[in-house]
Amino acid sequence: MIEYNFGALQNGSDIRGVAMEVPGGKPVNLGDVATARLAKGFLFWLSNKSGKKPSEITVSIGRDSRLTGPELEAAFAYALIPYGVTVLRAGLASTPAMFMSTVFDECRCDGAVMITASHLPKDRNGFKFFDADGGLNKGDITDIITFAESDSILGRLMPVSPGSIEDSNLMELYCAHLRKLITDGVGSGETPLSGLKITVDAGNGGGGFFARNVLEPLGADVSSSQFLEPDGEFPNHAPNPEDKAAMASICSRVKEAGSDLGLIFDTDVDRASAVDENGCEINRNKIVALAAALIENPSAGTTVVTDSITSGHLKDFLESTLNLKHLRFRRGYRNVINKAIELREEGIEARLAIETSGHAAYEENYFLDDGAYLATKIVIKTALLHKEGKGISSLITDMAEPAESREIRFPILTDDFSPYADKVLAAFEEAGNSIDGCILASPNYEGIRLEFTDPEIAGWLLIRKSLHDPIMPLNLESDVSGGVDKMLALIKPVLDEFEKLDKSVL
C-alpha cells in the first residue's frame, strides 16, 4: 500500500508544488499521479457538497502559460472521465474566468480548477479551486488533500459510463463580459476607447487577452503593449506587479509611448496594478487607494478591508478624503475577502477587499479577486476622465507618501520556526510597552505594529510571521529622512536577543 503525503503541497487556499525538473532545482512533487489523485479528491469534495452524483457534475479546467500546464491539464481531466464527469477545457485562461464558468449561463459548471502557481518560478505549478460559492478556503483544500491521500475514500468513487472532454469558449464569454462593462460604463458607441493609448504588460503570462480581446476591439491603441505572448520561460521579467523590475519596465514603456494608462498583470490575472499618465506606478498602497476611489456610490463609512502592511497615509486617504472606513486586517487574499464577507453578513457595508499585492475583490463582482475586473474599472474611469482632460492620477493626488519605506525579510534558522517566531513577536510586544515615543497599534490583527510619535522618526513598523515560510517580514515607513534607520536602531536590542533570526539581511 502506497502512502501519500500531499500536505506539503498546500499553500493556504491553493495547491502549489514543483512540477518540472530544472538544474539545481527541487524534486518534482506535483506530477501526473499527484494531479490525478487531487482531481479525484476535488470530485469527491464537490459531489459531497453539491449532493450530485459525479456523473451529474461539470468541471471546467483552465491553465496559465506555464510549460507544465498542458500535462497537468490532461492528467486532471482524464482522472475525472471514468466517473462520468463532463469536463470543459478552457485552455489558456485566467483564474477569475474559471470562477465565472460557474456563473455564465452558457457554462454553469459545478466546479472549476485553474492550473497556476501565480508568479512563482517556471518549475512550479499548482491548482486553484472554485465552486459556485467562490474560491475554496484553506479547510476545503485540507479536506481535498485528505481525500486524495485515502484509497478507501477514493474507492467510493464508482466508475460509470465515461464522461467527456469538450473544448470551451470560456475566455470569449469572459472577454465579451468585460467589453460590455466598458461600453455600459463609458458609452460613446461601439468604440468607446477611441483616442486612448493603453499599454498592457502581461509578463508573458495569461493576460495578453486583455489588450487584444478587450481593449483593442473597443478602439483603444494598444500598440505600445509588451510581453503579451504566453511563454512559460518568462524571458523578460517576473509576471508579478510587485516585482521592481517588472514595474520599472512598464513605467518606462508608458513614458516612452506617451500612453494615457499602463496596466500590468500577474501570470493568472487575479492581480493587477497600474501606471498613470505620467509614467508613475500605482502600486501597493496606491493601488488600494485607487481601487477604493472606484467604489461605485459608497455610503459614508463603507468599509474597505486590506492586508496588514498598509500605511497610515492610506488610512488617512480612505477615511478623510474618501469618507470610507479602513479595516487593516491580515495578509492573504482569502483572509481579506472572508473578512469582508463576514462584515456583510453582520450588516456592515463592505464593498472592497484588497491586498497591497494587487488582489482586489469587489462585492459587486462576487468578492472575486479579479485583476482584469479591476483593470476594467480603471479603464472606464480613465476614459471618462480623458473626456475632461484629466488623467487617472487625479483620483489619488491627495494621498501622501512616506519619505522612506523598507521591507526586510528575516530568515528563521530553525525547523521549529513558528513557535520561534511567536517568541520574537512577544519580545516586540514587550518592547512596544517600554520604548519611549512608541505605541502598540490597536486594533491590530497580525504581528506587532509599533507607531513612533517622535518627530525625528514619524513612522511605523510591522513585524509578522510569514503565512507559510520560515521568514519574518519587517515593514517600516517614515515621514522623515533617516527615520527608518532610527527605528532599526531602537529595535536592534530586541533583534539581537534571537540568535536563530538571520540578521545578515540588515
Protein backbone atom coordinates (compact mmCIF):
# COMPACT_ATOMS: atom_id res chain seq x y z
CA MET A 1 0.00 0.00 0.00
CA ILE A 2 1.44 3.36 -1.06
CA GLU A 3 1.31 6.18 1.47
CA TYR A 4 0.79 9.63 0.01
CA ASN A 5 1.70 12.91 1.65
CA PHE A 6 0.22 15.83 -0.21
CA GLY A 7 0.17 18.15 2.81
CA ALA A 8 3.40 19.80 1.62
CA LEU A 9 1.53 20.93 -1.50
CA GLN A 10 -0.95 23.05 0.43
CA ASN A 11 -0.30 26.78 0.26
CA GLY A 12 -3.17 28.22 2.26
CA SER A 13 -6.20 28.01 -0.03
CA ASP A 14 -4.13 26.87 -3.03
CA ILE A 15 -2.12 23.84 -4.10
CA ARG A 16 1.44 24.57 -5.22
CA GLY A 17 4.35 22.28 -5.95
CA VAL A 18 7.34 21.52 -8.15
CA ALA A 19 6.07 20.29 -11.50
CA MET A 20 9.23 20.30 -13.61
CA GLU A 21 12.86 19.32 -13.17
CA VAL A 22 15.35 22.15 -13.60
CA PRO A 23 19.12 22.13 -12.96
CA GLY A 24 19.73 22.66 -9.26
CA GLY A 25 16.01 22.64 -8.55
CA LYS A 26 13.90 20.69 -6.10
CA PRO A 27 12.47 17.22 -6.85
CA VAL A 28 9.15 17.08 -8.65
CA ASN A 29 6.25 16.55 -6.22
CA LEU A 30 3.34 17.62 -8.43
CA GLY A 31 3.30 15.19 -11.32
CA ASP A 32 0.67 13.05 -13.02
CA VAL A 33 -0.01 10.78 -10.04
CA ALA A 34 -0.46 13.59 -7.52
CA THR A 35 -2.59 15.54 -10.00
CA ALA A 36 -4.88 12.59 -10.71
CA ARG A 37 -5.46 11.87 -7.03
CA LEU A 38 -6.07 15.54 -6.22
CA ALA A 39 -8.56 15.69 -9.09
CA LYS A 40 -10.44 12.75 -7.60
CA GLY A 41 -10.25 14.37 -4.17
CA PHE A 42 -11.82 17.51 -5.60
CA LEU A 43 -14.53 15.45 -7.30
CA PHE A 44 -15.34 13.67 -4.04
CA TRP A 45 -15.48 17.02 -2.21
CA LEU A 46 -17.64 18.59 -4.93
CA SER A 47 -20.03 15.65 -5.04
CA ASN A 48 -20.47 15.73 -1.27
CA LYS A 49 -21.10 19.47 -1.16
CA SER A 50 -23.43 19.66 -4.14
CA GLY A 51 -25.31 16.45 -3.43
CA LYS A 52 -24.85 15.45 -7.06
CA LYS A 53 -23.55 12.16 -8.37
CA PRO A 54 -20.14 12.50 -10.09
CA SER A 55 -21.83 11.67 -13.42
CA GLU A 56 -24.06 14.75 -12.98
CA ILE A 57 -21.13 17.12 -12.42
CA THR A 58 -19.49 19.50 -14.89
CA VAL A 59 -15.96 20.79 -14.16
CA SER A 60 -14.07 23.42 -16.14
CA ILE A 61 -10.27 23.37 -16.38
CA GLY A 62 -8.00 26.23 -17.38
CA ARG A 63 -4.28 26.93 -17.20
CA ASP A 64 -1.76 29.75 -17.37
CA SER A 65 1.27 29.86 -19.66
CA ARG A 66 3.50 27.54 -17.64
CA LEU A 67 5.29 24.82 -19.56
CA THR A 68 3.79 22.04 -17.44
CA GLY A 69 0.21 23.31 -17.83
CA PRO A 70 -0.89 21.04 -20.72
CA GLU A 71 0.48 17.92 -18.98
CA LEU A 72 -1.29 18.67 -15.68
CA GLU A 73 -4.46 19.66 -17.53
CA ALA A 74 -4.56 16.28 -19.25
CA ALA A 75 -3.83 14.37 -16.03
CA PHE A 76 -6.59 16.24 -14.18
CA ALA A 77 -9.18 15.82 -16.93
CA TYR A 78 -8.55 12.15 -17.60
CA ALA A 79 -8.73 11.36 -13.88
CA LEU A 80 -12.36 12.58 -13.87
CA ILE A 81 -13.60 10.92 -17.06
CA PRO A 82 -14.13 7.37 -15.66
CA TYR A 83 -16.76 8.74 -13.26
CA GLY A 84 -18.94 10.29 -15.94
CA VAL A 85 -17.86 13.89 -15.35
CA THR A 86 -18.27 16.43 -18.14
CA VAL A 87 -15.02 18.38 -18.46
CA LEU A 88 -14.97 21.77 -20.18
CA ARG A 89 -11.43 22.52 -21.31
CA ALA A 90 -10.82 26.29 -21.39
CA GLY A 91 -7.14 26.11 -22.38
CA LEU A 92 -5.12 29.26 -21.71
CA ALA A 93 -7.28 31.20 -19.28
CA SER A 94 -7.29 33.44 -16.22
CA THR A 95 -8.08 32.39 -12.68
CA PRO A 96 -11.10 34.74 -12.36
CA ALA A 97 -12.54 33.47 -15.65
CA MET A 98 -12.51 29.96 -14.22
CA PHE A 99 -14.79 31.06 -11.38
CA MET A 100 -17.04 32.81 -13.91
CA SER A 101 -17.55 29.42 -15.60
CA THR A 102 -19.79 28.64 -12.60
CA VAL A 103 -21.74 31.88 -13.24
CA PHE A 104 -22.17 32.21 -17.03
CA ASP A 105 -25.40 30.61 -18.26
CA GLU A 106 -23.52 29.08 -21.18
CA CYS A 107 -21.39 27.01 -18.76
CA ARG A 108 -22.98 26.73 -15.29
CA CYS A 109 -20.16 24.48 -14.10
CA ASP A 110 -20.41 22.84 -10.70
CA GLY A 111 -16.71 23.33 -10.11
CA ALA A 112 -13.62 24.79 -11.73
CA VAL A 113 -9.87 24.46 -11.43
CA MET A 114 -7.14 26.82 -12.58
CA ILE A 115 -3.71 25.31 -13.13
CA THR A 116 -1.28 28.01 -11.98
CA ALA A 117 1.39 28.90 -9.47
CA SER A 118 0.84 32.65 -9.86
CA HIS A 119 4.19 34.48 -10.02
CA LEU A 120 6.40 31.61 -8.76
CA PRO A 121 9.35 30.32 -10.84
CA LYS A 122 8.78 28.36 -14.04
CA ASP A 123 9.34 24.95 -12.43
CA ARG A 124 6.35 25.42 -10.09
CA ASN A 125 2.69 24.83 -10.76
CA GLY A 126 -0.46 24.26 -8.80
CA PHE A 127 -4.24 24.40 -8.57
CA LYS A 128 -6.83 26.96 -7.52
CA PHE A 129 -10.29 25.51 -6.97
CA PHE A 130 -13.76 27.06 -7.24
CA ASP A 131 -17.38 26.14 -6.89
CA ALA A 132 -20.42 28.35 -7.34
CA ASP A 133 -19.84 29.91 -3.90
CA GLY A 134 -16.40 31.18 -4.88
CA GLY A 135 -12.83 30.17 -4.18
CA LEU A 136 -12.28 27.32 -1.79
CA ASN A 137 -10.92 28.07 1.67
CA LYS A 138 -7.97 26.58 3.49
CA GLY A 139 -10.13 23.98 5.26
CA ASP A 140 -11.62 22.85 1.96
CA ILE A 141 -8.15 22.31 0.50
CA THR A 142 -7.16 20.32 3.59
CA ASP A 143 -10.21 18.12 3.04
CA ILE A 144 -9.38 17.59 -0.64
CA ILE A 145 -5.84 16.56 0.32
CA THR A 146 -7.19 14.14 2.94
CA PHE A 147 -9.48 12.58 0.35
CA ALA A 148 -6.69 12.41 -2.22
CA GLU A 149 -4.41 10.55 0.18
CA SER A 150 -7.04 7.95 1.09
CA ASP A 151 -7.52 4.84 -1.06
CA SER A 152 -10.67 3.96 0.87
CA ILE A 153 -12.29 7.35 0.25
CA LEU A 154 -11.36 7.49 -3.42
CA GLY A 155 -12.64 3.91 -3.68
CA ARG A 156 -16.13 5.26 -3.06
CA LEU A 157 -15.99 6.92 -6.48
CA MET A 158 -17.52 4.26 -8.70
CA PRO A 159 -16.65 4.12 -12.43
CA VAL A 160 -19.63 4.51 -14.76
CA SER A 161 -20.01 5.24 -18.47
CA PRO A 162 -17.13 7.56 -19.35
CA GLY A 163 -17.71 11.28 -19.33
CA SER A 164 -16.46 13.69 -21.97
CA ILE A 165 -13.86 16.39 -22.56
CA GLU A 166 -15.20 19.34 -24.53
CA ASP A 167 -13.38 22.48 -25.63
CA SER A 168 -14.90 25.58 -24.05
CA ASN A 169 -15.19 29.15 -25.35
CA LEU A 170 -15.00 30.45 -21.79
CA MET A 171 -12.43 33.16 -22.49
CA GLU A 172 -14.56 34.51 -25.35
CA LEU A 173 -17.51 34.76 -22.95
CA TYR A 174 -15.35 36.38 -20.30
CA CYS A 175 -13.90 38.97 -22.70
CA ALA A 176 -17.37 39.80 -24.00
CA HIS A 177 -18.46 40.30 -20.39
CA LEU A 178 -15.61 42.77 -19.76
CA ARG A 179 -16.23 44.63 -23.03
CA LYS A 180 -19.88 45.11 -22.09
CA LEU A 181 -18.87 46.55 -18.73
CA ILE A 182 -16.74 49.13 -20.55
CA THR A 183 -19.33 50.05 -23.17
CA ASP A 184 -22.00 50.38 -20.47
CA GLY A 185 -19.67 52.40 -18.26
CA VAL A 186 -18.24 54.75 -20.90
CA GLY A 187 -20.90 54.87 -23.60
CA SER A 188 -19.83 56.54 -26.88
CA GLY A 189 -20.93 53.77 -29.23
CA GLU A 190 -19.06 50.67 -30.32
CA THR A 191 -15.57 52.10 -29.81
CA PRO A 192 -15.75 53.97 -26.50
CA LEU A 193 -11.96 53.79 -26.02
CA SER A 194 -11.07 55.59 -29.25
CA GLY A 195 -8.36 58.18 -28.61
CA LEU A 196 -6.92 56.32 -25.62
CA LYS A 197 -3.45 54.80 -25.70
CA ILE A 198 -3.16 51.99 -23.16
CA THR A 199 -0.02 49.95 -22.51
CA VAL A 200 -0.58 46.41 -21.22
CA ASP A 201 2.22 44.27 -19.79
CA ALA A 202 1.25 40.61 -19.41
CA GLY A 203 4.74 39.46 -18.39
CA ASN A 204 4.35 36.54 -20.86
CA GLY A 205 1.63 35.15 -18.61
CA GLY A 206 -2.01 34.75 -19.49
CA GLY A 207 -3.10 38.41 -19.52
CA GLY A 208 -2.46 39.26 -23.16
CA PHE A 209 -6.17 38.74 -23.89
CA PHE A 210 -6.99 41.99 -22.10
CA ALA A 211 -5.14 44.07 -24.70
CA ARG A 212 -6.14 42.08 -27.77
CA ASN A 213 -9.66 40.93 -26.98
CA VAL A 214 -10.99 43.58 -24.59
CA LEU A 215 -9.31 46.93 -25.22
CA GLU A 216 -8.41 46.84 -28.92
CA PRO A 217 -11.89 45.87 -30.19
CA LEU A 218 -13.26 48.90 -28.30
CA GLY A 219 -10.95 51.29 -30.12
CA ALA A 220 -8.00 51.61 -27.72
CA ASP A 221 -4.49 51.95 -29.14
CA VAL A 222 -2.62 49.05 -27.52
CA SER A 223 0.38 49.16 -29.88
CA SER A 224 2.75 50.02 -27.02
CA SER A 225 1.84 46.87 -25.08
CA GLN A 226 4.58 44.39 -24.29
CA PHE A 227 5.15 40.74 -23.41
CA LEU A 228 1.65 39.68 -24.43
CA GLU A 229 2.78 36.34 -25.89
CA PRO A 230 2.36 33.44 -23.43
CA ASP A 231 5.77 31.99 -22.63
CA GLY A 232 6.33 29.74 -19.64
CA GLU A 233 10.02 30.59 -19.62
CA PHE A 234 9.06 34.17 -18.58
CA PRO A 235 12.03 35.60 -20.51
CA ASN A 236 11.50 39.33 -19.88
CA HIS A 237 10.62 39.82 -16.23
CA ALA A 238 8.72 38.08 -13.47
CA PRO A 239 4.97 38.19 -14.14
CA ASN A 240 4.35 39.98 -10.87
CA PRO A 241 3.15 43.56 -10.28
CA GLU A 242 5.13 43.62 -7.02
CA ASP A 243 8.40 42.90 -8.82
CA LYS A 244 10.52 46.07 -9.04
CA ALA A 245 11.98 45.20 -12.44
CA ALA A 246 8.52 44.49 -13.83
CA MET A 247 7.13 47.81 -12.62
CA ALA A 248 10.19 49.71 -13.86
CA SER A 249 9.74 48.10 -17.29
CA ILE A 250 6.13 49.14 -17.77
CA CYS A 251 6.70 52.61 -16.29
CA SER A 252 9.47 53.15 -18.82
CA ARG A 253 7.27 51.88 -21.64
CA VAL A 254 4.37 54.19 -20.71
CA LYS A 255 6.68 57.21 -20.65
CA GLU A 256 8.33 56.26 -23.93
CA ALA A 257 4.99 55.73 -25.69
CA GLY A 258 3.20 58.68 -24.12
CA SER A 259 0.38 56.40 -23.03
CA ASP A 260 -2.66 57.52 -21.09
CA LEU A 261 -2.53 54.44 -18.87
CA GLY A 262 -0.47 51.35 -18.16
CA LEU A 263 -1.77 48.04 -16.80
CA ILE A 264 0.28 45.10 -15.54
CA PHE A 265 -0.94 41.63 -14.56
CA ASP A 266 0.44 38.62 -12.79
CA THR A 267 0.58 35.24 -14.53
CA ASP A 268 -3.02 34.14 -13.93
CA VAL A 269 -4.55 37.65 -13.93
CA ASP A 270 -6.08 37.65 -10.48
CA ARG A 271 -3.81 40.61 -9.62
CA ALA A 272 -3.21 43.92 -11.35
CA SER A 273 -1.51 47.24 -10.83
CA ALA A 274 -1.40 50.36 -12.95
CA VAL A 275 0.80 53.17 -14.26
CA ASP A 276 -0.58 56.69 -14.55
CA GLU A 277 -0.40 59.12 -17.47
CA ASN A 278 2.92 60.45 -16.17
CA GLY A 279 4.58 57.04 -16.13
CA CYS A 280 4.39 56.77 -12.32
CA GLU A 281 3.46 53.44 -10.78
CA ILE A 282 0.15 52.98 -8.99
CA ASN A 283 1.12 50.06 -6.83
CA ARG A 284 0.90 48.71 -3.27
CA ASN A 285 -0.79 51.39 -1.10
CA LYS A 286 -1.66 53.44 -4.20
CA ILE A 287 -3.48 50.60 -5.96
CA VAL A 288 -5.54 50.16 -2.80
CA ALA A 289 -6.32 53.88 -2.81
CA LEU A 290 -7.28 53.83 -6.49
CA ALA A 291 -9.44 50.72 -6.14
CA ALA A 292 -11.25 52.36 -3.22
CA ALA A 293 -11.77 55.56 -5.21
CA LEU A 294 -13.52 53.43 -7.85
CA ILE A 295 -16.16 52.04 -5.48
CA GLU A 296 -19.49 52.97 -7.02
CA ASN A 297 -21.71 55.23 -4.87
CA PRO A 298 -20.44 54.08 -1.46
CA SER A 299 -22.34 55.01 1.66
CA ALA A 300 -20.44 57.12 4.18
CA GLY A 301 -18.31 54.79 6.27
CA THR A 302 -18.31 51.91 3.80
CA THR A 303 -15.55 49.58 4.98
CA VAL A 304 -12.51 48.73 2.89
CA VAL A 305 -10.73 45.62 4.19
CA THR A 306 -6.99 45.47 3.49
CA ASP A 307 -3.98 43.42 4.48
CA SER A 308 -1.80 44.34 7.43
CA ILE A 309 1.07 46.21 5.77
CA THR A 310 -0.86 49.24 4.57
CA SER A 311 0.39 52.68 5.58
CA GLY A 312 -1.03 55.33 7.86
CA HIS A 313 -1.25 57.64 4.86
CA LEU A 314 -3.56 55.18 3.13
CA LYS A 315 -5.81 55.10 6.17
CA ASP A 316 -5.95 58.90 6.19
CA PHE A 317 -6.81 58.97 2.48
CA LEU A 318 -9.55 56.36 2.78
CA GLU A 319 -11.14 57.88 5.85
CA SER A 320 -10.54 61.62 5.45
CA THR A 321 -10.60 62.07 1.66
CA LEU A 322 -12.96 59.29 0.55
CA ASN A 323 -15.10 59.22 3.71
CA LEU A 324 -14.72 55.46 3.96
CA LYS A 325 -13.72 53.24 6.86
CA HIS A 326 -10.47 51.26 6.80
CA LEU A 327 -10.11 47.87 8.45
CA ARG A 328 -6.46 46.82 8.37
CA PHE A 329 -6.64 43.03 8.68
CA ARG A 330 -4.27 40.19 7.76
CA ARG A 331 -2.10 39.16 4.81
CA GLY A 332 -3.62 36.58 2.49
CA TYR A 333 -6.20 37.35 -0.17
CA ARG A 334 -8.66 34.81 1.23
CA ASN A 335 -8.31 36.40 4.67
CA VAL A 336 -9.31 39.88 3.48
CA ILE A 337 -12.09 38.52 1.26
CA ASN A 338 -13.54 36.34 4.00
CA LYS A 339 -13.41 39.24 6.46
CA ALA A 340 -15.33 41.49 4.08
CA ILE A 341 -17.94 38.76 3.55
CA GLU A 342 -18.18 38.32 7.32
CA LEU A 343 -18.80 42.05 7.77
CA ARG A 344 -21.52 41.98 5.10
CA GLU A 345 -23.21 39.10 6.89
CA GLU A 346 -23.16 41.20 10.08
CA GLY A 347 -24.93 44.01 8.26
CA ILE A 348 -21.83 46.20 7.86
CA GLU A 349 -21.34 47.62 4.37
CA ALA A 350 -18.02 46.34 3.00
CA ARG A 351 -17.66 46.81 -0.74
CA LEU A 352 -13.96 46.10 -1.31
CA ALA A 353 -11.40 43.61 -0.01
CA ILE A 354 -7.89 44.21 -1.31
CA GLU A 355 -4.27 43.32 -0.66
CA THR A 356 -1.38 45.63 -1.47
CA SER A 357 -0.18 42.83 -3.78
CA GLY A 358 -2.99 43.75 -6.21
CA HIS A 359 -5.63 41.17 -5.24
CA ALA A 360 -8.80 43.30 -5.40
CA ALA A 361 -12.25 41.83 -4.76
CA TYR A 362 -15.39 43.95 -5.12
CA GLU A 363 -18.69 42.96 -3.56
CA GLU A 364 -20.40 43.76 -6.87
CA ASN A 365 -18.20 41.13 -8.56
CA TYR A 366 -18.87 38.17 -6.25
CA PHE A 367 -15.97 39.20 -3.98
CA LEU A 368 -13.77 37.62 -6.65
CA ASP A 369 -10.17 38.79 -6.73
CA ASP A 370 -10.01 39.62 -10.41
CA GLY A 371 -7.17 41.66 -11.88
CA ALA A 372 -8.95 42.11 -15.20
CA TYR A 373 -12.09 43.38 -13.47
CA LEU A 374 -10.03 45.93 -11.52
CA ALA A 375 -8.28 46.90 -14.76
CA THR A 376 -11.68 47.29 -16.43
CA LYS A 377 -12.86 49.69 -13.74
CA ILE A 378 -9.63 51.67 -14.11
CA VAL A 379 -10.07 51.81 -17.89
CA ILE A 380 -13.67 53.05 -17.59
CA LYS A 381 -12.66 55.83 -15.23
CA THR A 382 -9.64 56.73 -17.37
CA ALA A 383 -11.88 57.09 -20.42
CA LEU A 384 -14.34 59.30 -18.56
CA LEU A 385 -11.56 61.48 -17.10
CA HIS A 386 -9.91 61.71 -20.53
CA LYS A 387 -13.02 63.47 -21.83
CA GLU A 388 -12.46 66.10 -19.11
CA GLY A 389 -8.77 66.48 -19.93
CA LYS A 390 -7.71 64.66 -16.76
CA GLY A 391 -5.68 61.54 -16.04
CA ILE A 392 -6.20 58.66 -13.63
CA SER A 393 -3.66 60.18 -11.23
CA SER A 394 -6.19 62.89 -10.38
CA LEU A 395 -8.13 60.38 -8.25
CA ILE A 396 -5.31 59.87 -5.76
CA THR A 397 -3.41 63.18 -5.75
CA ASP A 398 -4.46 63.80 -2.14
CA MET A 399 -2.77 60.67 -0.85
CA ALA A 400 0.52 61.46 0.88
CA GLU A 401 3.57 59.25 0.54
CA PRO A 402 6.20 58.39 3.14
CA ALA A 403 9.71 59.78 2.84
CA GLU A 404 11.14 56.28 3.31
CA SER A 405 9.91 52.71 3.27
CA ARG A 406 11.69 49.39 3.56
CA GLU A 407 10.89 45.70 3.81
CA ILE A 408 13.36 43.33 5.47
CA ARG A 409 12.70 39.58 5.43
CA PHE A 410 14.49 37.75 8.26
CA PRO A 411 15.04 34.00 7.69
CA ILE A 412 14.38 31.86 10.76
CA LEU A 413 17.18 29.32 11.09
CA THR A 414 15.29 26.50 12.77
CA ASP A 415 12.84 23.85 11.61
CA ASP A 416 10.57 24.72 14.53
CA PHE A 417 10.11 28.21 13.07
CA SER A 418 6.52 29.01 14.01
CA PRO A 419 6.91 28.83 17.82
CA TYR A 420 10.22 30.68 17.49
CA ALA A 421 8.50 33.47 15.57
CA ASP A 422 5.90 33.68 18.32
CA LYS A 423 8.69 34.38 20.83
CA VAL A 424 10.02 37.17 18.62
CA LEU A 425 6.57 38.73 18.44
CA ALA A 426 6.18 38.54 22.21
CA ALA A 427 9.51 40.36 22.62
CA PHE A 428 8.38 43.10 20.23
CA GLU A 429 5.12 43.49 22.12
CA GLU A 430 7.07 43.96 25.33
CA ALA A 431 9.37 46.47 23.62
CA GLY A 432 6.35 48.40 22.40
CA ASN A 433 5.39 49.00 26.00
CA SER A 434 8.87 50.16 27.03
CA ILE A 435 10.37 52.22 24.15
CA ASP A 436 9.83 55.94 24.63
CA GLY A 437 7.65 57.54 21.99
CA CYS A 438 6.38 54.15 20.84
CA ILE A 439 2.76 52.97 20.80
CA LEU A 440 1.39 49.49 20.21
CA ALA A 441 -1.15 49.86 17.41
CA SER A 442 -4.65 48.74 18.35
CA PRO A 443 -6.68 47.12 16.97
CA ASN A 444 -4.12 45.00 15.19
CA TYR A 445 -4.88 41.62 13.65
CA GLU A 446 -1.47 40.37 12.55
CA GLY A 447 2.01 40.53 14.05
CA ILE A 448 3.11 43.51 16.14
CA ARG A 449 2.69 47.02 14.77
CA LEU A 450 4.57 49.83 16.50
CA GLU A 451 3.86 53.51 15.84
CA PHE A 452 6.53 56.11 16.66
CA THR A 453 5.43 59.60 17.68
CA ASP A 454 8.95 61.07 17.90
CA PRO A 455 9.01 63.77 15.14
CA GLU A 456 12.52 62.61 14.17
CA ILE A 457 11.02 59.22 13.29
CA ALA A 458 7.33 59.87 12.49
CA GLY A 459 6.73 56.34 11.28
CA TRP A 460 5.63 52.82 11.99
CA LEU A 461 6.83 49.25 11.69
CA LEU A 462 5.13 45.90 11.45
CA ILE A 463 6.80 42.57 12.16
CA ARG A 464 4.85 39.41 11.45
CA LYS A 465 5.08 35.73 10.69
CA SER A 466 5.06 34.68 7.06
CA LEU A 467 1.91 32.84 6.05
CA HIS A 468 3.77 29.68 5.07
CA ASP A 469 7.55 30.08 5.21
CA PRO A 470 10.34 30.30 7.86
CA ILE A 471 10.52 34.06 7.36
CA MET A 472 9.67 37.09 9.48
CA PRO A 473 8.93 40.12 7.29
CA LEU A 474 9.56 43.54 8.82
CA ASN A 475 7.95 46.54 7.12
CA LEU A 476 8.95 50.09 8.06
CA GLU A 477 7.79 53.52 6.89
CA SER A 478 8.81 57.00 7.98
CA ASP A 479 7.78 60.51 7.00
CA VAL A 480 11.27 61.90 7.60
CA SER A 481 14.64 61.14 6.05
CA GLY A 482 16.60 58.80 8.30
CA GLY A 483 13.53 57.70 10.25
CA VAL A 484 13.74 54.08 9.16
CA ASP A 485 17.34 53.78 10.40
CA LYS A 486 16.33 55.34 13.73
CA MET A 487 13.57 52.74 14.15
CA LEU A 488 16.01 49.95 13.34
CA ALA A 489 18.42 51.29 15.94
CA LEU A 490 15.67 51.27 18.58
CA ILE A 491 14.66 47.67 17.89
CA LYS A 492 18.19 46.29 17.40
CA PRO A 493 18.45 45.13 21.05
CA VAL A 494 15.25 43.11 20.56
CA LEU A 495 16.52 41.51 17.36
CA ASP A 496 19.86 40.70 18.98
CA GLU A 497 18.10 38.53 21.57
CA PHE A 498 17.32 35.94 18.89
CA GLU A 499 20.31 34.03 17.52
CA LYS A 500 18.21 31.98 15.08
CA LEU A 501 16.86 35.11 13.43
CA ASP A 502 19.22 35.69 10.49
CA LYS A 503 20.20 39.35 10.74
CA SER A 504 22.65 39.25 7.85
CA VAL A 505 19.84 40.70 5.71
CA LEU A 506 20.10 44.03 7.56
